[in-house]
C-alpha atoms as a PDB file:
ATOM      1  CA  MET A   1       0.212  -0.146   0.066  1.00  0.00           C
ATOM      2  CA  THR A   2       2.996   2.291   0.637  1.00  0.00           C
ATOM      3  CA  GLU A   3       4.196   2.289  -3.016  1.00  0.00           C
ATOM      4  CA  LEU A   4       0.970   2.700  -3.931  1.00  0.00           C
ATOM      5  CA  PHE A   5       0.667   5.796  -2.170  1.00  0.00           C
ATOM      6  CA  LYS A   6       4.291   7.116  -2.964  1.00  0.00           C
ATOM      7  CA  SER A   7       2.846   6.480  -6.614  1.00  0.00           C
ATOM      8  CA  ILE A   8      -0.384   8.659  -6.348  1.00  0.00           C
ATOM      9  CA  SER A   9       1.796  11.142  -3.985  1.00  0.00           C
ATOM     10  CA  GLY A  10       3.972  11.604  -7.180  1.00  0.00           C
ATOM     11  CA  LEU A  11       1.512  12.093  -9.536  1.00  0.00           C
ATOM     12  CA  ALA A  12       0.423  15.148  -7.244  1.00  0.00           C
ATOM     13  CA  ASP A  13       3.575  16.598  -7.103  1.00  0.00           C
ATOM     14  CA  ARG A  14       4.265  16.758 -10.722  1.00  0.00           C
ATOM     15  CA  LEU A  15       0.503  18.018 -11.436  1.00  0.00           C
ATOM     16  CA  GLN A  16       1.882  20.862  -8.716  1.00  0.00           C
ATOM     17  CA  ALA A  17       5.014  21.666 -10.399  1.00  0.00           C
ATOM     18  CA  LEU A  18       2.894  21.667 -14.112  1.00  0.00           C
ATOM     19  CA  ASN A  19      -0.033  23.616 -12.857  1.00  0.00           C
ATOM     20  CA  LYS A  20       2.834  26.257 -11.557  1.00  0.00           C
ATOM     21  CA  GLU A  21       4.870  26.174 -14.432  1.00  0.00           C
ATOM     22  CA  ALA A  22       1.412  27.130 -16.903  1.00  0.00           C
ATOM     23  CA  VAL A  23       1.071  30.595 -14.320  1.00  0.00           C
ATOM     24  CA  ARG A  24       4.477  31.026 -15.006  1.00  0.00           C
ATOM     25  CA  GLU A  25       4.359  30.799 -18.811  1.00  0.00           C
ATOM     26  CA  TYR A  26       0.812  32.133 -19.322  1.00  0.00           C
ATOM     27  CA  THR A  27       0.374  34.972 -16.900  1.00  0.00           C
ATOM     28  CA  PRO A  28       2.649  37.316 -19.175  1.00  0.00           C
ATOM     29  CA  ILE A  29       1.161  36.040 -22.142  1.00  0.00           C
ATOM     30  CA  VAL A  30      -2.607  37.044 -20.420  1.00  0.00           C
ATOM     31  CA  ASN A  31      -1.382  40.266 -19.500  1.00  0.00           C
ATOM     32  CA  ALA A  32      -0.182  41.830 -22.341  1.00  0.00           C
ATOM     33  CA  ILE A  33      -3.595  40.878 -24.170  1.00  0.00           C
ATOM     34  CA  LEU A  34      -5.024  42.984 -21.432  1.00  0.00           C
ATOM     35  CA  GLN A  35      -2.798  45.661 -21.184  1.00  0.00           C
ATOM     36  CA  ALA A  36      -2.537  46.167 -25.168  1.00  0.00           C
ATOM     37  CA  GLY A  37      -6.199  46.014 -25.379  1.00  0.00           C
ATOM     38  CA  SER A  38      -5.335  43.154 -28.166  1.00  0.00           C
ATOM     39  CA  ARG A  39      -8.867  42.342 -30.611  1.00  0.00           C
ATOM     40  CA  ASP A  40      -6.285  40.089 -31.887  1.00  0.00           C
ATOM     41  CA  VAL A  41      -9.433  37.016 -31.721  1.00  0.00           C
ATOM     42  CA  ARG A  42      -7.150  34.119 -32.804  1.00  0.00           C
ATOM     43  CA  ASN A  43      -4.307  34.595 -30.214  1.00  0.00           C
ATOM     44  CA  ILE A  44      -6.918  35.159 -27.392  1.00  0.00           C
ATOM     45  CA  GLU A  45      -8.878  31.903 -28.084  1.00  0.00           C
ATOM     46  CA  HIS A  46      -5.782  29.995 -28.671  1.00  0.00           C
ATOM     47  CA  THR A  47      -4.147  31.653 -25.123  1.00  0.00           C
ATOM     48  CA  LEU A  48      -7.695  30.285 -23.682  1.00  0.00           C
ATOM     49  CA  ASP A  49      -8.336  27.149 -25.205  1.00  0.00           C
ATOM     50  CA  GLY A  50      -4.325  26.119 -23.373  1.00  0.00           C
ATOM     51  CA  LEU A  51      -5.811  28.100 -20.600  1.00  0.00           C
ATOM     52  CA  LEU A  52      -8.596  26.087 -20.099  1.00  0.00           C
ATOM     53  CA  ASP A  53      -6.639  22.978 -19.719  1.00  0.00           C
ATOM     54  CA  PHE A  54      -5.787  24.418 -16.652  1.00  0.00           C
ATOM     55  CA  CYS A  55      -8.717  25.687 -15.156  1.00  0.00           C
ATOM     56  CA  GLY A  56      -8.734  23.174 -12.536  1.00  0.00           C
ATOM     57  CA  TYR A  57      -5.820  25.244 -10.649  1.00  0.00           C
ATOM     58  CA  GLU A  58      -7.298  28.470  -9.056  1.00  0.00           C
ATOM     59  CA  PRO A  59      -4.225  31.166 -10.494  1.00  0.00           C
ATOM     60  CA  ILE A  60      -4.748  29.524 -14.148  1.00  0.00           C
ATOM     61  CA  LEU A  61      -8.621  29.951 -13.566  1.00  0.00           C
ATOM     62  CA  GLN A  62      -8.284  33.631 -12.746  1.00  0.00           C
ATOM     63  CA  LEU A  63      -6.410  34.333 -16.163  1.00  0.00           C
ATOM     64  CA  TYR A  64      -9.115  32.259 -17.660  1.00  0.00           C
ATOM     65  CA  LYS A  65     -11.476  34.652 -16.617  1.00  0.00           C
ATOM     66  CA  LYS A  66      -9.883  38.031 -16.904  1.00  0.00           C
ATOM     67  CA  LEU A  67      -9.508  37.076 -20.646  1.00  0.00           C
ATOM     68  CA  CYS A  68     -12.925  35.571 -21.302  1.00  0.00           C
ATOM     69  CA  ARG A  69     -14.274  39.227 -19.920  1.00  0.00           C
ATOM     70  CA  HIS A  70     -11.452  40.669 -21.685  1.00  0.00           C
ATOM     71  CA  TYR A  71     -13.344  38.887 -25.084  1.00  0.00           C
ATOM     72  CA  TYR A  72     -17.103  39.239 -24.566  1.00  0.00           C
ATOM     73  CA  PHE A  73     -15.789  42.972 -25.715  1.00  0.00           C
ATOM     74  CA  ILE A  74     -15.348  41.722 -28.555  1.00  0.00           C
ATOM     75  CA  ASN A  75     -17.138  38.616 -29.200  1.00  0.00           C
ATOM     76  CA  PRO A  76     -19.834  37.821 -26.760  1.00  0.00           C
ATOM     77  CA  ALA A  77     -21.250  34.776 -27.995  1.00  0.00           C
ATOM     78  CA  ALA A  78     -17.562  33.194 -28.783  1.00  0.00           C
ATOM     79  CA  ALA A  79     -17.213  34.354 -24.624  1.00  0.00           C
ATOM     80  CA  ALA A  80     -20.373  32.439 -23.677  1.00  0.00           C
ATOM     81  CA  GLU A  81     -18.977  29.301 -25.828  1.00  0.00           C
ATOM     82  CA  TYR A  82     -15.443  29.480 -23.539  1.00  0.00           C
ATOM     83  CA  VAL A  83     -17.704  29.888 -20.556  1.00  0.00           C
ATOM     84  CA  ASN A  84     -19.787  26.976 -21.282  1.00  0.00           C
ATOM     85  CA  ALA A  85     -16.674  24.871 -22.037  1.00  0.00           C
ATOM     86  CA  TYR A  86     -14.978  25.402 -18.604  1.00  0.00           C
ATOM     87  CA  ARG A  87     -18.192  24.711 -17.332  1.00  0.00           C
ATOM     88  CA  GLU A  88     -18.468  20.878 -19.097  1.00  0.00           C
ATOM     89  CA  MET A  89     -14.923  20.410 -18.273  1.00  0.00           C
ATOM     90  CA  TRP A  90     -14.433  21.371 -14.734  1.00  0.00           C
ATOM     91  CA  ASP A  91     -17.932  21.646 -13.102  1.00  0.00           C
ATOM     92  CA  SER A  92     -18.824  18.618 -11.122  1.00  0.00           C
ATOM     93  CA  GLU A  93     -21.570  16.449 -12.503  1.00  0.00           C
ATOM     94  CA  ASP A  94     -23.609  16.506  -9.237  1.00  0.00           C
ATOM     95  CA  LYS A  95     -24.785  20.123  -9.881  1.00  0.00           C
ATOM     96  CA  GLU A  96     -28.020  20.387 -11.729  1.00  0.00           C
ATOM     97  CA  GLU A  97     -27.715  24.026 -12.846  1.00  0.00           C
ATOM     98  CA  SER A  98     -28.366  24.726 -16.867  1.00  0.00           C
ATOM     99  CA  LEU A  99     -25.007  24.968 -18.913  1.00  0.00           C
ATOM    100  CA  GLU A 100     -26.788  27.427 -20.978  1.00  0.00           C
ATOM    101  CA  PRO A 101     -25.542  31.551 -20.832  1.00  0.00           C
ATOM    102  CA  VAL A 102     -28.105  33.311 -19.491  1.00  0.00           C
ATOM    103  CA  ARG A 103     -27.819  37.309 -19.729  1.00  0.00           C
ATOM    104  CA  ARG A 104     -28.659  39.292 -16.451  1.00  0.00           C
ATOM    105  CA  GLY A 105     -28.643  42.454 -16.967  1.00  0.00           C
ATOM    106  CA  GLY A 106     -26.160  45.045 -18.510  1.00  0.00           C
ATOM    107  CA  ASN A 107     -23.119  43.265 -18.902  1.00  0.00           C
ATOM    108  CA  THR A 108     -23.280  40.449 -16.815  1.00  0.00           C
ATOM    109  CA  LEU A 109     -23.225  36.671 -18.256  1.00  0.00           C
ATOM    110  CA  GLU A 110     -24.000  33.583 -16.051  1.00  0.00           C
ATOM    111  CA  CYS A 111     -24.201  29.765 -16.394  1.00  0.00           C
ATOM    112  CA  GLY A 112     -27.407  28.904 -15.045  1.00  0.00           C
ATOM    113  CA  GLY A 113     -27.474  30.048 -11.379  1.00  0.00           C
ATOM    114  CA  SER A 114     -24.016  30.015 -10.903  1.00  0.00           C
ATOM    115  CA  THR A 115     -21.786  33.209 -10.199  1.00  0.00           C
ATOM    116  CA  PRO A 116     -21.104  35.097 -13.394  1.00  0.00           C
ATOM    117  CA  LEU A 117     -18.070  34.692 -14.765  1.00  0.00           C
ATOM    118  CA  LEU A 118     -18.437  37.121 -17.186  1.00  0.00           C
ATOM    119  CA  GLY A 119     -19.673  40.420 -15.704  1.00  0.00           C
ATOM    120  CA  ARG A 120     -18.152  43.924 -14.530  1.00  0.00           C
ATOM    121  CA  SER A 121     -19.008  47.447 -15.458  1.00  0.00           C
ATOM    122  CA  PRO A 122     -18.118  48.165 -19.124  1.00  0.00           C
ATOM    123  CA  ARG A 123     -14.977  49.391 -20.438  1.00  0.00           C
ATOM    124  CA  ARG A 124     -15.607  50.335 -24.270  1.00  0.00           C
ATOM    125  CA  PRO A 125     -18.889  51.757 -25.521  1.00  0.00           C
ATOM    126  CA  SER A 126     -21.300  49.256 -26.711  1.00  0.00           C
ATOM    127  CA  LYS A 127     -21.781  48.672 -30.669  1.00  0.00           C
ATOM    128  CA  ARG A 128     -25.218  47.799 -29.738  1.00  0.00           C
ATOM    129  CA  GLY A 129     -26.211  51.283 -30.682  1.00  0.00           C
ATOM    130  CA  PRO A 130     -26.723  51.189 -34.452  1.00  0.00           C
ATOM    131  CA  ARG A 131     -28.495  47.862 -34.923  1.00  0.00           C
ATOM    132  CA  LEU A 132     -30.658  48.282 -31.965  1.00  0.00           C
ATOM    133  CA  ALA A 133     -31.618  52.020 -33.640  1.00  0.00           C
ATOM    134  CA  LYS A 134     -31.842  50.510 -37.217  1.00  0.00           C
ATOM    135  CA  GLN A 135     -34.374  48.226 -35.833  1.00  0.00           C
ATOM    136  CA  SER A 136     -36.806  50.761 -33.928  1.00  0.00           C
ATOM    137  CA  GLY A 137     -36.532  52.852 -36.708  1.00  0.00           C
ATOM    138  CA  ALA A 138     -34.503  55.647 -34.994  1.00  0.00           C
ATOM    139  CA  LYS A 139     -31.707  57.269 -36.766  1.00  0.00           C
ATOM    140  CA  ALA A 140     -28.249  55.345 -35.618  1.00  0.00           C
ATOM    141  CA  PRO A 141     -25.889  58.509 -33.594  1.00  0.00           C
ATOM    142  CA  GLN A 142     -23.465  59.681 -35.825  1.00  0.00           C
ATOM    143  CA  SER A 143     -20.013  59.107 -34.292  1.00  0.00           C
ATOM    144  CA  LYS A 144     -16.617  57.372 -34.688  1.00  0.00           C
ATOM    145  CA  ILE A 145     -17.771  55.090 -32.564  1.00  0.00           C
ATOM    146  CA  TYR A 146     -20.669  53.961 -34.454  1.00  0.00           C
ATOM    147  CA  SER A 147     -19.676  55.104 -38.064  1.00  0.00           C
ATOM    148  CA  ARG A 148     -17.931  52.486 -41.082  1.00  0.00           C
ATOM    149  CA  ASP A 149     -15.780  55.300 -41.927  1.00  0.00           C
ATOM    150  CA  GLY A 150     -14.510  56.426 -38.707  1.00  0.00           C
ATOM    151  CA  GLY A 151     -16.867  59.520 -38.647  1.00  0.00           C
ATOM    152  CA  GLN A 152     -14.862  61.237 -41.630  1.00  0.00           C
END
């Protein structure tokens, strides 16, 4: 029995070391994306895909959440898919919550009845204005944010 315990203990130690290495590797990558305000979808998704494998480790989960929140302002539907991917991979099966993303006021995105994974005050202006204005028949606001030609 002690040999089995040593074997399991060795695996746990290696897993812990791998998790710590992932934090060291991914922290500067995530911070660079966030600080630059990057909108490079391919880079963001590649990073989220890599982080997802380590989300069982709390420091990596925090990086994943930060990057999902950033990505939400670029592509809300894709960010919701990453929330669901996290839920499917890491949430326990005994929970009876829905995995479907649910919008709850403002910019909060939740899955089922859980704590919001994506939810904070917006840093960037909403790009929903013109789309909503077209649906209601109102004229879209003329600003650099909304006009296709950059306001020129």
